[in-house]
PDB file of N, CA and C in Angstrom:
ATOM      1  N   MET A   1      17.975  13.458  -7.230  1.00  0.00           N
ATOM      2  CA  MET A   1      18.243  12.231  -6.513  1.00  0.00           C
ATOM      3  C   MET A   1      17.405  12.164  -5.236  1.00  0.00           C
ATOM      4  N   ARG A   2      17.243  13.303  -4.597  1.00  0.00           N
ATOM      5  CA  ARG A   2      16.485  13.324  -3.357  1.00  0.00           C
ATOM      6  C   ARG A   2      15.018  12.966  -3.596  1.00  0.00           C
ATOM      7  N   THR A   3      14.458  13.420  -4.703  1.00  0.00           N
ATOM      8  CA  THR A   3      13.060  13.106  -5.000  1.00  0.00           C
ATOM      9  C   THR A   3      12.881  11.626  -5.307  1.00  0.00           C
ATOM     10  N   VAL A   4      13.875  11.014  -5.911  1.00  0.00           N
ATOM     11  CA  VAL A   4      13.810   9.575  -6.186  1.00  0.00           C
ATOM     12  C   VAL A   4      13.786   8.799  -4.879  1.00  0.00           C
ATOM     13  N   LEU A   5      14.642   9.169  -3.949  1.00  0.00           N
ATOM     14  CA  LEU A   5      14.671   8.484  -2.658  1.00  0.00           C
ATOM     15  C   LEU A   5      13.376   8.692  -1.886  1.00  0.00           C
ATOM     16  N   LEU A   6      12.846   9.883  -1.921  1.00  0.00           N
ATOM     17  CA  LEU A   6      11.597  10.166  -1.227  1.00  0.00           C
ATOM     18  C   LEU A   6      10.442   9.386  -1.839  1.00  0.00           C
ATOM     19  N   LYS A   7      10.409   9.342  -3.171  1.00  0.00           N
ATOM     20  CA  LYS A   7       9.335   8.616  -3.857  1.00  0.00           C
ATOM     21  C   LYS A   7       9.372   7.131  -3.494  1.00  0.00           C
ATOM     22  N   TYR A   8      10.547   6.538  -3.521  1.00  0.00           N
ATOM     23  CA  TYR A   8      10.644   5.116  -3.219  1.00  0.00           C
ATOM     24  C   TYR A   8      10.507   4.824  -1.736  1.00  0.00           C
ATOM     25  N   ALA A   9      10.857   5.776  -0.878  1.00  0.00           N
ATOM     26  CA  ALA A   9      10.660   5.575   0.560  1.00  0.00           C
ATOM     27  C   ALA A   9       9.181   5.578   0.915  1.00  0.00           C
ATOM     28  N   LEU A  10       8.388   6.327   0.189  1.00  0.00           N
ATOM     29  CA  LEU A  10       6.950   6.354   0.434  1.00  0.00           C
ATOM     30  C   LEU A  10       6.210   5.260  -0.320  1.00  0.00           C
ATOM     31  N   LEU A  11       6.807   4.763  -1.372  1.00  0.00           N
ATOM     32  CA  LEU A  11       6.150   3.764  -2.205  1.00  0.00           C
ATOM     33  C   LEU A  11       6.169   2.373  -1.568  1.00  0.00           C
ATOM     34  N   LEU A  12       7.257   2.012  -0.907  1.00  0.00           N
ATOM     35  CA  LEU A  12       7.364   0.671  -0.329  1.00  0.00           C
ATOM     36  C   LEU A  12       6.298   0.391   0.730  1.00  0.00           C
ATOM     37  N   PRO A  13       6.057   1.268   1.707  1.00  0.00           N
ATOM     38  CA  PRO A  13       4.988   0.971   2.666  1.00  0.00           C
ATOM     39  C   PRO A  13       3.616   0.866   2.010  1.00  0.00           C
ATOM     40  N   LEU A  14       3.383   1.660   0.985  1.00  0.00           N
ATOM     41  CA  LEU A  14       2.106   1.604   0.285  1.00  0.00           C
ATOM     42  C   LEU A  14       1.934   0.270  -0.440  1.00  0.00           C
ATOM     43  N   ILE A  15       2.975  -0.185  -1.093  1.00  0.00           N
ATOM     44  CA  ILE A  15       2.928  -1.476  -1.783  1.00  0.00           C
ATOM     45  C   ILE A  15       2.712  -2.609  -0.794  1.00  0.00           C
ATOM     46  N   LEU A  16       3.458  -2.582   0.305  1.00  0.00           N
ATOM     47  CA  LEU A  16       3.311  -3.641   1.309  1.00  0.00           C
ATOM     48  C   LEU A  16       1.932  -3.628   1.951  1.00  0.00           C
ATOM     49  N   PHE A  17       1.342  -2.453   2.125  1.00  0.00           N
ATOM     50  CA  PHE A  17      -0.009  -2.380   2.666  1.00  0.00           C
ATOM     51  C   PHE A  17      -1.011  -3.030   1.722  1.00  0.00           C
ATOM     52  N   PHE A  18      -0.895  -2.759   0.428  1.00  0.00           N
ATOM     53  CA  PHE A  18      -1.831  -3.358  -0.521  1.00  0.00           C
ATOM     54  C   PHE A  18      -1.626  -4.863  -0.658  1.00  0.00           C
ATOM     55  N   ILE A  19      -0.397  -5.335  -0.520  1.00  0.00           N
ATOM     56  CA  ILE A  19      -0.159  -6.782  -0.496  1.00  0.00           C
ATOM     57  C   ILE A  19      -0.837  -7.389   0.719  1.00  0.00           C
ATOM     58  N   TRP A  20      -0.660  -6.758   1.876  1.00  0.00           N
ATOM     59  CA  TRP A  20      -1.284  -7.251   3.108  1.00  0.00           C
ATOM     60  C   TRP A  20      -2.801  -7.247   2.976  1.00  0.00           C
ATOM     61  N   LEU A  21      -3.354  -6.166   2.428  1.00  0.00           N
ATOM     62  CA  LEU A  21      -4.798  -6.079   2.255  1.00  0.00           C
ATOM     63  C   LEU A  21      -5.319  -7.167   1.321  1.00  0.00           C
ATOM     64  N   GLY A  22      -4.600  -7.419   0.246  1.00  0.00           N
ATOM     65  CA  GLY A  22      -4.986  -8.490  -0.665  1.00  0.00           C
ATOM     66  C   GLY A  22      -4.934  -9.860  -0.008  1.00  0.00           C
ATOM     67  N   LEU A  23      -3.901 -10.096   0.802  1.00  0.00           N
ATOM     68  CA  LEU A  23      -3.805 -11.376   1.496  1.00  0.00           C
ATOM     69  C   LEU A  23      -4.898 -11.536   2.544  1.00  0.00           C
ATOM     70  N   VAL A  24      -5.271 -10.457   3.203  1.00  0.00           N
ATOM     71  CA  VAL A  24      -6.365 -10.518   4.175  1.00  0.00           C
ATOM     72  C   VAL A  24      -7.676 -10.856   3.479  1.00  0.00           C
ATOM     73  N   ILE A  25      -7.944 -10.192   2.376  1.00  0.00           N
ATOM     74  CA  ILE A  25      -9.179 -10.474   1.629  1.00  0.00           C
ATOM     75  C   ILE A  25      -9.171 -11.907   1.102  1.00  0.00           C
ATOM     76  N   PHE A  26      -8.036 -12.336   0.573  1.00  0.00           N
ATOM     77  CA  PHE A  26      -7.913 -13.706   0.071  1.00  0.00           C
ATOM     78  C   PHE A  26      -8.105 -14.727   1.198  1.00  0.00           C
ATOM     79  N   GLY A  27      -7.524 -14.449   2.362  1.00  0.00           N
ATOM     80  CA  GLY A  27      -7.678 -15.348   3.508  1.00  0.00           C
ATOM     81  C   GLY A  27      -9.101 -15.400   4.023  1.00  0.00           C
ATOM     82  N   CYS A  28      -9.776 -14.255   4.047  1.00  0.00           N
ATOM     83  CA  CYS A  28     -11.174 -14.231   4.482  1.00  0.00           C
ATOM     84  C   CYS A  28     -12.071 -14.987   3.510  1.00  0.00           C
ATOM     85  N   MET A  29     -11.806 -14.835   2.223  1.00  0.00           N
ATOM     86  CA  MET A  29     -12.594 -15.579   1.239  1.00  0.00           C
ATOM     87  C   MET A  29     -12.350 -17.078   1.369  1.00  0.00           C
ATOM     88  N   ALA A  30     -11.098 -17.461   1.609  1.00  0.00           N
ATOM     89  CA  ALA A  30     -10.789 -18.881   1.764  1.00  0.00           C
ATOM     90  C   ALA A  30     -11.466 -19.446   3.008  1.00  0.00           C
ATOM     91  N   CYS A  31     -11.471 -18.677   4.082  1.00  0.00           N
ATOM     92  CA  CYS A  31     -12.141 -19.126   5.302  1.00  0.00           C
ATOM     93  C   CYS A  31     -13.648 -19.229   5.087  1.00  0.00           C
ATOM     94  N   PHE A  32     -14.212 -18.292   4.367  1.00  0.00           N
ATOM     95  CA  PHE A  32     -15.643 -18.297   4.081  1.00  0.00           C
ATOM     96  C   PHE A  32     -16.035 -19.520   3.262  1.00  0.00           C
ATOM     97  N   PHE A  33     -15.173 -19.926   2.345  1.00  0.00           N
ATOM     98  CA  PHE A  33     -15.471 -21.082   1.507  1.00  0.00           C
ATOM     99  C   PHE A  33     -15.034 -22.398   2.134  1.00  0.00           C
ATOM    100  N   GLY A  34     -14.598 -22.372   3.388  1.00  0.00           N
ATOM    101  CA  GLY A  34     -14.358 -23.604   4.131  1.00  0.00           C
ATOM    102  C   GLY A  34     -12.941 -24.137   4.107  1.00  0.00           C
ATOM    103  N   ALA A  35     -11.958 -23.280   4.006  1.00  0.00           N
ATOM    104  CA  ALA A  35     -10.574 -23.747   4.038  1.00  0.00           C
ATOM    105  C   ALA A  35     -10.222 -24.211   5.454  1.00  0.00           C
ATOM    106  N   THR A  36      -9.440 -25.258   5.531  1.00  0.00           N
ATOM    107  CA  THR A  36      -9.049 -25.793   6.839  1.00  0.00           C
ATOM    108  C   THR A  36      -7.733 -25.176   7.288  1.00  0.00           C
ATOM    109  N   GLU A  37      -7.267 -25.576   8.470  1.00  0.00           N
ATOM    110  CA  GLU A  37      -6.020 -25.037   9.007  1.00  0.00           C
ATOM    111  C   GLU A  37      -4.808 -25.453   8.182  1.00  0.00           C
ATOM    112  N   THR A  38      -4.869 -26.616   7.568  1.00  0.00           N
ATOM    113  CA  THR A  38      -3.730 -27.053   6.760  1.00  0.00           C
ATOM    114  C   THR A  38      -3.558 -26.185   5.520  1.00  0.00           C
ATOM    115  N   TYR A  39      -4.641 -25.594   5.047  1.00  0.00           N
ATOM    116  CA  TYR A  39      -4.545 -24.692   3.898  1.00  0.00           C
ATOM    117  C   TYR A  39      -3.693 -23.478   4.260  1.00  0.00           C
ATOM    118  N   TYR A  40      -3.904 -22.926   5.431  1.00  0.00           N
ATOM    119  CA  TYR A  40      -3.152 -21.736   5.836  1.00  0.00           C
ATOM    120  C   TYR A  40      -1.690 -22.056   6.111  1.00  0.00           C
ATOM    121  N   CYS A  41      -1.402 -23.261   6.530  1.00  0.00           N
ATOM    122  CA  CYS A  41      -0.015 -23.635   6.824  1.00  0.00           C
ATOM    123  C   CYS A  41       0.756 -24.034   5.579  1.00  0.00           C
ATOM    124  N   THR A  42       0.082 -24.342   4.505  1.00  0.00           N
ATOM    125  CA  THR A  42       0.789 -24.798   3.302  1.00  0.00           C
ATOM    126  C   THR A  42       0.603 -23.818   2.141  1.00  0.00           C
ATOM    127  N   ASN A  43      -0.551 -23.824   1.526  1.00  0.00           N
ATOM    128  CA  ASN A  43      -0.778 -23.039   0.302  1.00  0.00           C
ATOM    129  C   ASN A  43      -0.768 -21.534   0.556  1.00  0.00           C
ATOM    130  N   TYR A  44      -1.471 -21.099   1.583  1.00  0.00           N
ATOM    131  CA  TYR A  44      -1.586 -19.669   1.853  1.00  0.00           C
ATOM    132  C   TYR A  44      -0.227 -19.056   2.186  1.00  0.00           C
ATOM    133  N   CYS A  45       0.563 -19.743   2.981  1.00  0.00           N
ATOM    134  CA  CYS A  45       1.895 -19.238   3.326  1.00  0.00           C
ATOM    135  C   CYS A  45       2.789 -19.185   2.089  1.00  0.00           C
ATOM    136  N   MET A  46       2.669 -20.163   1.229  1.00  0.00           N
ATOM    137  CA  MET A  46       3.472 -20.173   0.012  1.00  0.00           C
ATOM    138  C   MET A  46       3.059 -19.025  -0.913  1.00  0.00           C
ATOM    139  N   ILE A  47       1.765 -18.784  -1.049  1.00  0.00           N
ATOM    140  CA  ILE A  47       1.293 -17.667  -1.868  1.00  0.00           C
ATOM    141  C   ILE A  47       1.797 -16.351  -1.299  1.00  0.00           C
ATOM    142  N   ALA A  48       1.735 -16.197   0.004  1.00  0.00           N
ATOM    143  CA  ALA A  48       2.198 -14.961   0.642  1.00  0.00           C
ATOM    144  C   ALA A  48       3.697 -14.766   0.454  1.00  0.00           C
ATOM    145  N   LYS A  49       4.481 -15.807   0.654  1.00  0.00           N
ATOM    146  CA  LYS A  49       5.934 -15.697   0.507  1.00  0.00           C
ATOM    147  C   LYS A  49       6.327 -15.353  -0.928  1.00  0.00           C
ATOM    148  N   ILE A  50       5.694 -16.000  -1.876  1.00  0.00           N
ATOM    149  CA  ILE A  50       6.025 -15.757  -3.280  1.00  0.00           C
ATOM    150  C   ILE A  50       5.623 -14.342  -3.694  1.00  0.00           C
ATOM    151  N   SER A  51       4.430 -13.912  -3.317  1.00  0.00           N
ATOM    152  CA  SER A  51       3.977 -12.585  -3.731  1.00  0.00           C
ATOM    153  C   SER A  51       4.807 -11.478  -3.085  1.00  0.00           C
ATOM    154  N   VAL A  52       5.112 -11.602  -1.810  1.00  0.00           N
ATOM    155  CA  VAL A  52       5.919 -10.578  -1.141  1.00  0.00           C
ATOM    156  C   VAL A  52       7.335 -10.555  -1.696  1.00  0.00           C
ATOM    157  N   SER A  53       7.929 -11.715  -1.917  1.00  0.00           N
ATOM    158  CA  SER A  53       9.299 -11.732  -2.431  1.00  0.00           C
ATOM    159  C   SER A  53       9.372 -11.204  -3.863  1.00  0.00           C
ATOM    160  N   MET A  54       8.373 -11.490  -4.689  1.00  0.00           N
ATOM    161  CA  MET A  54       8.375 -10.969  -6.057  1.00  0.00           C
ATOM    162  C   MET A  54       8.222  -9.452  -6.074  1.00  0.00           C
ATOM    163  N   ILE A  55       7.343  -8.926  -5.249  1.00  0.00           N
ATOM    164  CA  ILE A  55       7.131  -7.485  -5.193  1.00  0.00           C
ATOM    165  C   ILE A  55       8.371  -6.787  -4.650  1.00  0.00           C
ATOM    166  N   LEU A  56       8.988  -7.331  -3.622  1.00  0.00           N
ATOM    167  CA  LEU A  56      10.196  -6.712  -3.069  1.00  0.00           C
ATOM    168  C   LEU A  56      11.361  -6.777  -4.054  1.00  0.00           C
ATOM    169  N   ALA A  57      11.485  -7.863  -4.788  1.00  0.00           N
ATOM    170  CA  ALA A  57      12.550  -7.966  -5.784  1.00  0.00           C
ATOM    171  C   ALA A  57      12.331  -6.947  -6.903  1.00  0.00           C
ATOM    172  N   ALA A  58      11.106  -6.814  -7.364  1.00  0.00           N
ATOM    173  CA  ALA A  58      10.808  -5.824  -8.401  1.00  0.00           C
ATOM    174  C   ALA A  58      11.051  -4.417  -7.879  1.00  0.00           C
ATOM    175  N   TYR A  59      10.709  -4.177  -6.621  1.00  0.00           N
ATOM    176  CA  TYR A  59      10.939  -2.861  -6.005  1.00  0.00           C
ATOM    177  C   TYR A  59      12.424  -2.529  -5.978  1.00  0.00           C
ATOM    178  N   VAL A  60      13.245  -3.473  -5.583  1.00  0.00           N
ATOM    179  CA  VAL A  60      14.686  -3.239  -5.521  1.00  0.00           C
ATOM    180  C   VAL A  60      15.252  -2.997  -6.922  1.00  0.00           C
ATOM    181  N   ILE A  61      14.791  -3.750  -7.898  1.00  0.00           N
ATOM    182  CA  ILE A  61      15.279  -3.576  -9.268  1.00  0.00           C
ATOM    183  C   ILE A  61      14.908  -2.196  -9.800  1.00  0.00           C
ATOM    184  N   PHE A  62      13.653  -1.776  -9.624  1.00  0.00           N
ATOM    185  CA  PHE A  62      13.245  -0.465 -10.110  1.00  0.00           C
ATOM    186  C   PHE A  62      13.926   0.661  -9.347  1.00  0.00           C
ATOM    187  N   PHE A  63      14.153   0.460  -8.056  1.00  0.00           N
ATOM    188  CA  PHE A  63      14.851   1.467  -7.254  1.00  0.00           C
ATOM    189  C   PHE A  63      16.295   1.627  -7.726  1.00  0.00           C
ATOM    190  N   ALA A  64      16.976   0.527  -7.954  1.00  0.00           N
ATOM    191  CA  ALA A  64      18.364   0.591  -8.423  1.00  0.00           C
ATOM    192  C   ALA A  64      18.429   1.209  -9.816  1.00  0.00           C
ATOM    193  N   ARG A  65      17.480   0.848 -10.665  1.00  0.00           N
ATOM    194  CA  ARG A  65      17.455   1.411 -12.016  1.00  0.00           C
ATOM    195  C   ARG A  65      17.210   2.915 -11.989  1.00  0.00           C
ATOM    196  N   SER A  66      16.294   3.366 -11.141  1.00  0.00           N
ATOM    197  CA  SER A  66      16.017   4.804 -11.080  1.00  0.00           C
ATOM    198  C   SER A  66      17.177   5.571 -10.474  1.00  0.00           C
ATOM    199  N   LEU A  67      17.888   4.987  -9.514  1.00  0.00           N
ATOM    200  CA  LEU A  67      19.084   5.638  -8.986  1.00  0.00           C
ATOM    201  C   LEU A  67      20.170   5.726 -10.042  1.00  0.00           C
ATOM    202  N   PHE A  68      20.314   4.690 -10.834  1.00  0.00           N
ATOM    203  CA  PHE A  68      21.310   4.683 -11.887  1.00  0.00           C
ATOM    204  C   PHE A  68      21.032   5.770 -12.916  1.00  0.00           C
ATOM    205  N   TYR A  69      19.760   5.883 -13.345  1.00  0.00           N
ATOM    206  CA  TYR A  69      19.410   6.884 -14.345  1.00  0.00           C
ATOM    207  C   TYR A  69      19.391   8.292 -13.755  1.00  0.00           C
ATOM    208  N   ALA A  70      19.111   8.428 -12.451  1.00  0.00           N
ATOM    209  CA  ALA A  70      19.116   9.750 -11.812  1.00  0.00           C
ATOM    210  C   ALA A  70      20.547  10.274 -11.714  1.00  0.00           C
ATOM    211  N   ASN A  71      21.509   9.390 -11.511  1.00  0.00           N
ATOM    212  CA  ASN A  71      22.899   9.820 -11.423  1.00  0.00           C
ATOM    213  C   ASN A  71      23.484  10.141 -12.794  1.00  0.00           C
ATOM    214  N   LYS A  72      22.934   9.599 -13.856  1.00  0.00           N
ATOM    215  CA  LYS A  72      23.424   9.869 -15.208  1.00  0.00           C
ATOM    216  C   LYS A  72      23.045  11.252 -15.701  1.00  0.00           C
ATOM    217  N   LYS A  73      21.937  11.787 -15.191  1.00  0.00           N
ATOM    218  CA  LYS A  73      21.452  13.086 -15.674  1.00  0.00           C
ATOM    219  C   LYS A  73      22.224  14.234 -15.087  1.00  0.00           C
TER     220      LYS A  73
END
């Protein structure tokens, strides 16, 4: 059980870092191709909110599932 908690405690910051890195690259590409300020206030924020919430929801589901199976063994 302890290894499961340690694995997931280290996995979440890594996942969030890669999400942030992807959003930075996506934002830089959008700026390079001429995106205006309204793009960042509407579409970009929506993409960021959806991607972060989906990843966090999947993280919680897999964490709960692994705790459930770790306690069964």
